[in-house]
Structures are given as C-alpha cells and as structure tokens.
Amino acid sequence: MPIFVTIPAVGTFVTFPIFSGQLLALALVYFLAARARTETCGDTPGLGVW
C-alpha cells in the first residue's frame, strides 16, 4: 500500500492539500466529538474512569 497516492490529473502540488485537508477534517471531527462527549457526561474519555 503506497503511503502517498498522487492524483495524476492535478499532480502532487494539488493532491497533497486535498489529502491533508481530509485528514485535518477527520481529526477535528474526532476531537470535537470527544470534547462534546466529555462536556455531556463529565468523564474523561480514555482513562477508564467509571
């Protein structure tokens, strides 16, 4: 599995921001969802506190 796939029609210069933007959006959604979950239940996620 290649680490970086280039879209031939646009080249590396445009492909990198496309994929990095998707990864950034995925990370933001994850952390915002974790923050919302922390605010609603008052527990720290991932620490195993019941």
C-alpha atoms as a PDB file:
ATOM      1  CA  MET A   1       0.000   0.000   0.000  1.00  0.00           C
ATOM      2  CA  PRO A   2       1.554   3.308  -1.013  1.00  0.00           C
ATOM      3  CA  ILE A   3       1.987   5.963   1.637  1.00  0.00           C
ATOM      4  CA  PHE A   4       1.075   8.823  -0.677  1.00  0.00           C
ATOM      5  CA  VAL A   5      -1.139   8.488  -3.752  1.00  0.00           C
ATOM      6  CA  THR A   6      -0.921  11.198  -6.387  1.00  0.00           C
ATOM      7  CA  ILE A   7      -3.929  12.165  -8.485  1.00  0.00           C
ATOM      8  CA  PRO A   8      -2.434  12.231 -11.996  1.00  0.00           C
ATOM      9  CA  ALA A   9      -4.846  14.838 -13.375  1.00  0.00           C
ATOM     10  CA  VAL A  10      -3.798  17.526 -10.874  1.00  0.00           C
ATOM     11  CA  GLY A  11      -0.297  16.499  -9.748  1.00  0.00           C
ATOM     12  CA  THR A  12       1.374  16.417  -6.359  1.00  0.00           C
ATOM     13  CA  PHE A  13       1.050  20.152  -5.706  1.00  0.00           C
ATOM     14  CA  VAL A  14      -2.744  19.921  -5.540  1.00  0.00           C
ATOM     15  CA  THR A  15      -3.048  16.315  -4.320  1.00  0.00           C
ATOM     16  CA  PHE A  16      -1.206  16.917  -1.044  1.00  0.00           C
ATOM     17  CA  PRO A  17      -3.537  19.707   0.203  1.00  0.00           C
ATOM     18  CA  ILE A  18      -6.568  17.601  -0.754  1.00  0.00           C
ATOM     19  CA  PHE A  19      -5.483  14.621   1.349  1.00  0.00           C
ATOM     20  CA  SER A  20      -4.053  16.701   4.181  1.00  0.00           C
ATOM     21  CA  GLY A  21      -7.299  18.677   4.349  1.00  0.00           C
ATOM     22  CA  GLN A  22      -9.272  15.450   4.659  1.00  0.00           C
ATOM     23  CA  LEU A  23      -7.016  14.240   7.477  1.00  0.00           C
ATOM     24  CA  LEU A  24      -7.324  17.591   9.255  1.00  0.00           C
ATOM     25  CA  ALA A  25     -11.120  17.485   8.967  1.00  0.00           C
ATOM     26  CA  LEU A  26     -11.175  13.929  10.319  1.00  0.00           C
ATOM     27  CA  ALA A  27      -9.036  14.933  13.305  1.00  0.00           C
ATOM     28  CA  LEU A  28     -11.191  17.997  14.030  1.00  0.00           C
ATOM     29  CA  VAL A  29     -14.394  15.950  13.944  1.00  0.00           C
ATOM     30  CA  TYR A  30     -12.857  13.371  16.285  1.00  0.00           C
ATOM     31  CA  PHE A  31     -11.643  15.906  18.845  1.00  0.00           C
ATOM     32  CA  LEU A  32     -14.831  17.961  18.734  1.00  0.00           C
ATOM     33  CA  ALA A  33     -16.896  14.797  19.244  1.00  0.00           C
ATOM     34  CA  ALA A  34     -14.662  13.773  22.162  1.00  0.00           C
ATOM     35  CA  ARG A  35     -15.000  17.247  23.672  1.00  0.00           C
ATOM     36  CA  ALA A  36     -18.800  17.181  23.307  1.00  0.00           C
ATOM     37  CA  ARG A  37     -18.894  13.739  24.917  1.00  0.00           C
ATOM     38  CA  THR A  38     -16.728  14.998  27.802  1.00  0.00           C
ATOM     39  CA  GLU A  39     -18.976  18.013  28.387  1.00  0.00           C
ATOM     40  CA  THR A  40     -22.155  15.929  28.416  1.00  0.00           C
ATOM     41  CA  CYS A  41     -21.086  13.084  30.706  1.00  0.00           C
ATOM     42  CA  GLY A  42     -18.370  14.810  32.755  1.00  0.00           C
ATOM     43  CA  ASP A  43     -15.961  11.909  32.352  1.00  0.00           C
ATOM     44  CA  THR A  44     -12.510  11.973  30.787  1.00  0.00           C
ATOM     45  CA  PRO A  45     -12.582   9.719  27.721  1.00  0.00           C
ATOM     46  CA  GLY A  46      -9.963   7.025  27.508  1.00  0.00           C
ATOM     47  CA  LEU A  47      -8.890   6.978  31.149  1.00  0.00           C
ATOM     48  CA  GLY A  48     -11.180   4.169  32.236  1.00  0.00           C
ATOM     49  CA  VAL A  49     -12.844   6.202  34.988  1.00  0.00           C
ATOM     50  CA  TRP A  50     -16.331   4.872  35.619  1.00  0.00           C
END
